[in-house]
Amino acid sequence: MARSALDELSESGAFVRTASTFRNLITRDPNSPFPAESGRYHLYISYACPWASRCLAYLKIKGLDKAISFTSVKPKWERTKDTDEHMGWVFPASDTEEPGAGSDPLNGAKSIRELYELASTDYSGKYTVPVLWDKKHKTIVNNESSEIIRMFNTEFNDIAENPSLDLYPPHLQALINEINDWIYNGINNGVYKCGFAKQQEPYDEAVKSLYESLDKCEEILSKQRFLCGNTLTEVDIRLFVTLIRFDEVYAVHFKCNKKLLREYLNLFDYTKDIFQVPGMSSTVNMEHIKKHYYGSHPSINPYGIIPQGPDIDFSAPHDRERFST
């Protein structure tokens, strides 16, 4: 049966995310099954989805948007087939139907689900974004965002416009891996564990872990510009996509309201700092973000009402330059 993230619950009522399925790797080796080539690959995303947005962020800041094309789906989940009740990511019928979203230019698919079924006739998992698509073999290369961003960071450097930017430098990899682990569990996935919990106890546990992790970030960022020092790295992009959605969505929709992002002196300015990195602001479509969350989870928000605020200006000045780079 077709599933979505709303179905991923344990017996205790806790949200438990399942692993991605397509895990092929693009490499610089021209003899590999998926060599890094300009124009060969296409990235399917949703501006609403934080996991997809971090891939788009890499595409932009590494200068790969001329080598790898991308398309965004509509923000609000809709029926993906007439034959069942599955709700998921769909493409607009035309490029003018939903600003920011586009029809599938490669396969004429009506939904992300159709892409998965093109790639695997017996696929039975979730139909998620991002999807990194190989135009040559007409299949999904990879749908795991943590692996896609690593590929974008290094494997396309011969054709990237910003090849010198290394967000996973060798001397910081151990620290990046360590921070990624607790940020993913406590914050990136933590907000979903809060929002999708169906029992009080797992919700309470998730909220405790979320704010312990946010407080830990706040403490680190009181002493340095970014999480691994004064250099932007992978962990910052991975944290940013959650923080940019926090006050607008997670505080309300996922009940993460113990403390707002705007109440964290360092985290708030840090979020503005990353938003102002050239290319990053174009990856944030707050209209899509709010339409998706408030409109796609009827068990949480049955009437689909979208809050008007708080309309945060992330392009406003910040004080992060006080740390040397």
Protein backbone atom coordinates (compact mmCIF):
# COMPACT_ATOMS: atom_id res chain seq x y z
CA MET A 1 0.00 0.00 0.00
CA ALA A 2 1.26 3.49 -0.86
CA ARG A 3 2.52 5.31 2.25
CA SER A 4 3.58 8.77 3.39
CA ALA A 5 5.45 10.14 6.42
CA LEU A 6 2.15 10.35 8.30
CA ASP A 7 2.05 6.54 8.39
CA GLU A 8 5.45 6.09 10.08
CA LEU A 9 4.45 5.46 13.68
CA SER A 10 5.61 2.96 16.30
CA GLU A 11 3.25 1.13 18.64
CA SER A 12 3.96 3.78 21.29
CA GLY A 13 2.69 6.55 18.99
CA ALA A 14 6.17 7.88 18.18
CA PHE A 15 7.23 8.97 14.69
CA VAL A 16 9.92 6.68 13.22
CA ARG A 17 11.36 7.71 9.83
CA THR A 18 12.24 4.91 7.40
CA ALA A 19 15.45 4.93 5.35
CA SER A 20 15.69 6.02 1.72
CA THR A 21 15.82 3.30 -0.94
CA PHE A 22 17.76 4.46 -4.03
CA ARG A 23 21.40 4.78 -3.01
CA ASN A 24 23.51 4.86 -6.18
CA LEU A 25 26.39 7.32 -6.31
CA ILE A 26 27.56 9.72 -9.00
CA THR A 27 31.36 9.91 -9.16
CA ARG A 28 34.07 11.74 -11.08
CA ASP A 29 35.19 8.41 -12.56
CA PRO A 30 34.09 8.50 -16.23
CA ASN A 31 33.80 4.71 -16.22
CA SER A 32 31.40 4.53 -13.27
CA PRO A 33 27.74 3.64 -13.88
CA PHE A 34 26.80 7.22 -13.02
CA PRO A 35 29.63 9.57 -14.01
CA ALA A 36 29.48 13.28 -13.26
CA GLU A 37 28.42 14.91 -16.52
CA SER A 38 26.91 18.28 -17.28
CA GLY A 39 23.30 18.08 -18.47
CA ARG A 40 22.81 14.41 -17.60
CA TYR A 41 21.03 14.70 -14.26
CA HIS A 42 17.85 16.38 -13.04
CA LEU A 43 16.86 17.16 -9.46
CA TYR A 44 13.20 16.92 -8.48
CA ILE A 45 12.44 18.89 -5.33
CA SER A 46 9.77 20.55 -3.28
CA TYR A 47 10.58 24.00 -1.92
CA ALA A 48 8.48 22.95 1.07
CA CYS A 49 10.63 19.93 1.96
CA PRO A 50 13.74 20.63 4.09
CA TRP A 51 15.52 17.50 2.86
CA ALA A 52 15.03 18.53 -0.78
CA SER A 53 15.84 22.16 -0.04
CA ARG A 54 19.29 21.33 1.26
CA CYS A 55 20.06 19.65 -2.07
CA LEU A 56 18.85 22.74 -3.93
CA ALA A 57 21.02 24.87 -1.63
CA TYR A 58 24.10 22.90 -2.70
CA LEU A 59 23.09 23.20 -6.34
CA LYS A 60 23.00 26.98 -5.96
CA ILE A 61 26.00 27.71 -3.76
CA LYS A 62 28.28 25.27 -5.59
CA GLY A 63 27.29 26.82 -8.92
CA LEU A 64 25.80 23.66 -10.40
CA ASP A 65 22.47 25.01 -11.58
CA LYS A 66 23.69 25.20 -15.20
CA ALA A 67 24.96 21.61 -15.11
CA ILE A 68 22.04 20.03 -13.21
CA SER A 69 18.50 21.15 -13.97
CA PHE A 70 15.73 21.03 -11.37
CA THR A 71 11.95 21.08 -11.07
CA SER A 72 9.77 21.75 -8.05
CA VAL A 73 6.44 20.01 -7.45
CA LYS A 74 3.34 21.74 -6.11
CA PRO A 75 3.52 22.42 -2.37
CA LYS A 76 0.29 20.80 -1.23
CA TRP A 77 -0.13 17.03 -1.33
CA GLU A 78 -2.82 15.74 -3.66
CA ARG A 79 -4.09 12.36 -4.84
CA THR A 80 -1.32 10.63 -6.78
CA LYS A 81 -3.59 8.01 -8.43
CA ASP A 82 -7.28 7.54 -9.01
CA THR A 83 -7.05 3.91 -7.91
CA ASP A 84 -6.13 4.54 -4.24
CA GLU A 85 -6.21 7.21 -1.56
CA HIS A 86 -2.47 8.00 -1.41
CA MET A 87 -1.69 11.71 -1.03
CA GLY A 88 1.69 12.98 -2.12
CA TRP A 89 3.78 15.27 -4.29
CA VAL A 90 2.28 16.15 -7.68
CA PHE A 91 3.32 18.31 -10.60
CA PRO A 92 1.19 21.20 -11.84
CA ALA A 93 -0.60 20.70 -15.14
CA SER A 94 1.23 23.74 -16.53
CA ASP A 95 4.13 25.95 -15.51
CA THR A 96 1.73 28.80 -14.72
CA GLU A 97 -0.64 26.90 -12.42
CA GLU A 98 1.49 27.27 -9.27
CA PRO A 99 4.23 29.94 -9.14
CA GLY A 100 7.56 28.26 -8.40
CA ALA A 101 6.39 24.79 -9.44
CA GLY A 102 6.78 23.26 -12.88
CA SER A 103 5.44 20.36 -14.89
CA ASP A 104 7.75 17.38 -15.35
CA PRO A 105 9.93 18.30 -18.37
CA LEU A 106 11.47 14.84 -18.83
CA ASN A 107 8.87 12.12 -18.41
CA GLY A 108 5.56 13.99 -18.39
CA ALA A 109 4.86 12.44 -14.98
CA LYS A 110 1.87 13.69 -13.03
CA SER A 111 3.40 12.87 -9.65
CA ILE A 112 6.65 11.93 -7.92
CA ARG A 113 5.04 8.53 -7.42
CA GLU A 114 5.07 7.99 -11.18
CA LEU A 115 8.84 8.57 -11.25
CA TYR A 116 9.37 5.89 -8.62
CA GLU A 117 7.17 3.48 -10.58
CA LEU A 118 9.13 4.25 -13.76
CA ALA A 119 12.37 3.49 -11.94
CA SER A 120 11.11 0.34 -10.21
CA THR A 121 7.95 -1.58 -11.13
CA ASP A 122 7.85 -3.33 -7.75
CA TYR A 123 8.67 -0.33 -5.54
CA SER A 124 6.73 -0.33 -2.25
CA GLY A 125 8.27 2.47 -0.19
CA LYS A 126 7.46 6.15 0.22
CA TYR A 127 7.41 8.53 -2.75
CA THR A 128 9.71 11.23 -1.38
CA VAL A 129 11.72 14.17 -2.62
CA PRO A 130 14.50 14.86 -3.41
CA VAL A 131 14.82 12.63 -6.45
CA LEU A 132 18.08 12.75 -8.39
CA TRP A 133 17.19 11.49 -11.88
CA ASP A 134 19.47 10.14 -14.62
CA LYS A 135 18.18 11.34 -18.00
CA LYS A 136 20.35 8.82 -19.87
CA HIS A 137 19.08 5.67 -18.16
CA LYS A 138 15.71 7.17 -17.19
CA THR A 139 15.94 6.08 -13.59
CA ILE A 140 16.41 7.35 -10.05
CA VAL A 141 20.06 7.56 -9.05
CA ASN A 142 19.52 8.53 -5.43
CA ASN A 143 16.76 9.80 -3.13
CA GLU A 144 18.81 10.25 0.05
CA SER A 145 19.54 13.94 0.55
CA SER A 146 22.57 13.40 2.80
CA GLU A 147 24.28 11.49 -0.02
CA ILE A 148 23.15 13.86 -2.78
CA ILE A 149 24.72 16.86 -1.05
CA ARG A 150 28.01 15.00 -0.65
CA MET A 151 27.99 14.20 -4.38
CA PHE A 152 27.24 17.83 -5.24
CA ASN A 153 30.04 18.96 -2.92
CA THR A 154 32.87 17.06 -4.62
CA GLU A 155 31.98 14.92 -7.63
CA PHE A 156 30.99 17.75 -9.98
CA ASN A 157 33.90 20.09 -9.17
CA ASP A 158 35.23 19.86 -12.74
CA ILE A 159 32.04 21.55 -13.97
CA ALA A 160 30.95 23.54 -10.89
CA GLU A 161 31.21 27.32 -11.01
CA ASN A 162 32.31 27.38 -7.38
CA PRO A 163 34.55 24.29 -7.08
CA SER A 164 36.73 25.73 -4.31
CA LEU A 165 33.83 25.73 -1.83
CA ASP A 166 34.24 22.55 0.22
CA LEU A 167 31.48 22.04 2.76
CA TYR A 168 32.91 18.70 3.92
CA PRO A 169 36.66 19.38 4.22
CA PRO A 170 38.83 16.42 5.33
CA HIS A 171 40.08 18.06 8.53
CA LEU A 172 36.53 18.68 9.77
CA GLN A 173 34.81 15.49 8.64
CA ALA A 174 34.87 13.75 12.03
CA LEU A 175 33.43 16.83 13.74
CA ILE A 176 30.83 17.31 10.98
CA ASN A 177 29.70 13.68 11.29
CA GLU A 178 29.41 14.00 15.07
CA ILE A 179 27.36 17.22 14.94
CA ASN A 180 25.20 15.92 12.08
CA ASP A 181 24.19 12.98 14.25
CA TRP A 182 22.78 14.93 17.18
CA ILE A 183 21.32 17.71 15.03
CA TYR A 184 19.50 15.18 12.85
CA ASN A 185 18.07 13.27 15.80
CA GLY A 186 17.28 16.25 17.97
CA ILE A 187 16.35 18.99 15.48
CA ASN A 188 16.00 18.03 11.78
CA ASN A 189 14.00 14.89 12.52
CA GLY A 190 13.17 16.08 16.02
CA VAL A 191 10.55 18.58 14.88
CA TYR A 192 8.80 15.78 12.98
CA LYS A 193 8.90 13.57 16.05
CA CYS A 194 7.13 16.39 17.89
CA GLY A 195 4.60 17.08 15.16
CA PHE A 196 3.68 13.54 14.16
CA ALA A 197 3.56 12.05 17.67
CA LYS A 198 0.15 10.59 18.54
CA GLN A 199 0.79 10.07 22.26
CA GLN A 200 1.84 12.58 24.93
CA GLU A 201 4.92 10.71 26.15
CA PRO A 202 6.79 10.48 22.81
CA TYR A 203 5.88 14.11 22.12
CA ASP A 204 7.29 15.18 25.51
CA GLU A 205 10.48 13.21 24.88
CA ALA A 206 10.91 14.74 21.44
CA VAL A 207 10.37 18.29 22.71
CA LYS A 208 12.93 17.78 25.48
CA SER A 209 15.51 16.50 22.97
CA LEU A 210 14.71 19.30 20.49
CA TYR A 211 15.28 22.13 22.96
CA GLU A 212 18.36 20.53 24.51
CA SER A 213 19.83 20.41 20.99
CA LEU A 214 18.80 23.97 20.15
CA ASP A 215 20.30 25.21 23.42
CA LYS A 216 23.51 23.35 22.58
CA CYS A 217 23.64 25.09 19.19
CA GLU A 218 23.01 28.45 20.83
CA GLU A 219 25.93 27.90 23.20
CA ILE A 220 28.29 26.89 20.37
CA LEU A 221 27.22 29.87 18.25
CA SER A 222 27.87 32.30 21.11
CA LYS A 223 31.58 31.60 20.57
CA GLN A 224 31.99 31.16 16.80
CA ARG A 225 30.27 32.09 13.56
CA PHE A 226 29.33 28.57 12.43
CA LEU A 227 28.93 25.17 14.07
CA CYS A 228 32.40 23.87 13.14
CA GLY A 229 34.26 27.13 13.65
CA ASN A 230 34.30 30.24 11.50
CA THR A 231 33.84 28.39 8.20
CA LEU A 232 30.51 27.43 6.63
CA THR A 233 30.14 23.64 6.39
CA GLU A 234 27.60 20.93 5.65
CA VAL A 235 26.21 20.97 9.19
CA ASP A 236 25.19 24.60 8.80
CA ILE A 237 23.20 23.95 5.63
CA ARG A 238 21.54 20.93 7.23
CA LEU A 239 20.55 22.94 10.32
CA PHE A 240 19.49 26.01 8.33
CA VAL A 241 16.68 24.26 6.45
CA THR A 242 14.99 23.42 9.77
CA LEU A 243 15.60 26.79 11.40
CA ILE A 244 14.18 28.77 8.46
CA ARG A 245 10.88 26.87 8.91
CA PHE A 246 10.83 26.97 12.69
CA ASP A 247 8.78 30.03 13.67
CA GLU A 248 6.67 30.03 10.50
CA VAL A 249 5.65 26.36 10.74
CA TYR A 250 7.11 24.11 13.40
CA ALA A 251 6.33 26.34 16.40
CA VAL A 252 2.63 26.25 15.48
CA HIS A 253 1.96 23.19 13.34
CA PHE A 254 4.32 20.78 15.13
CA LYS A 255 3.79 22.24 18.63
CA CYS A 256 7.44 23.29 19.00
CA ASN A 257 6.47 26.45 20.90
CA LYS A 258 8.52 26.27 24.09
CA LYS A 259 10.86 28.88 22.64
CA LEU A 260 10.87 30.57 19.23
CA LEU A 261 13.89 30.91 16.96
CA ARG A 262 13.58 34.70 17.32
CA GLU A 263 14.16 34.29 21.06
CA TYR A 264 17.58 32.74 20.47
CA LEU A 265 20.00 35.64 20.08
CA ASN A 266 22.71 33.70 18.27
CA LEU A 267 20.64 31.12 16.37
CA PHE A 268 18.38 33.78 14.89
CA ASP A 269 21.25 35.90 13.58
CA TYR A 270 23.03 32.73 12.41
CA THR A 271 19.95 31.83 10.34
CA LYS A 272 19.97 35.30 8.76
CA ASP A 273 23.70 34.97 8.08
CA ILE A 274 23.24 31.73 6.12
CA PHE A 275 20.12 33.03 4.33
CA GLN A 276 22.30 35.88 3.03
CA VAL A 277 24.97 33.57 1.55
CA PRO A 278 24.77 34.20 -2.23
CA GLY A 279 22.28 31.74 -3.75
CA MET A 280 20.66 30.62 -0.49
CA SER A 281 17.69 32.98 -0.43
CA SER A 282 16.48 31.63 -3.78
CA THR A 283 16.05 28.19 -2.19
CA VAL A 284 13.54 29.49 0.38
CA ASN A 285 9.94 29.78 -0.82
CA MET A 286 7.95 30.48 2.33
CA GLU A 287 4.63 30.43 0.48
CA HIS A 288 5.30 26.84 -0.64
CA ILE A 289 6.54 25.90 2.83
CA LYS A 290 3.40 27.15 4.59
CA LYS A 291 1.00 25.82 1.93
CA HIS A 292 2.50 22.36 2.28
CA TYR A 293 2.60 21.89 6.02
CA TYR A 294 -0.67 23.56 6.89
CA GLY A 295 -2.46 22.08 3.87
CA SER A 296 -1.13 18.52 3.66
CA HIS A 297 -1.63 17.12 7.16
CA PRO A 298 -5.39 17.03 7.83
CA SER A 299 -4.90 14.93 10.98
CA ILE A 300 -3.01 17.92 12.45
CA ASN A 301 -4.77 20.85 10.75
CA PRO A 302 -8.12 19.54 9.45
CA TYR A 303 -9.36 22.81 7.94
CA GLY A 304 -6.07 23.69 6.26
CA ILE A 305 -6.00 27.23 7.63
CA ILE A 306 -2.64 28.92 6.94
CA PRO A 307 -1.48 31.40 9.61
CA GLN A 308 -0.70 34.86 8.25
CA GLY A 309 2.46 35.53 10.25
CA PRO A 310 5.06 36.01 11.42
CA ASP A 311 6.65 37.11 8.07
CA ILE A 312 10.24 37.22 9.31
CA ASP A 313 12.75 39.28 7.32
CA PHE A 314 15.81 37.06 7.12
CA SER A 315 17.56 39.62 4.92
CA ALA A 316 17.75 42.01 7.90
CA PRO A 317 21.16 42.88 9.37
CA HIS A 318 22.88 40.46 11.74
CA ASP A 319 25.97 40.59 13.91
CA ARG A 320 27.74 37.36 12.91
CA GLU A 321 30.60 39.26 11.24
CA ARG A 322 31.92 39.88 14.75
CA PHE A 323 33.60 36.50 14.43
CA SER A 324 36.68 36.37 12.20
CA THR A 325 36.42 34.18 9.11
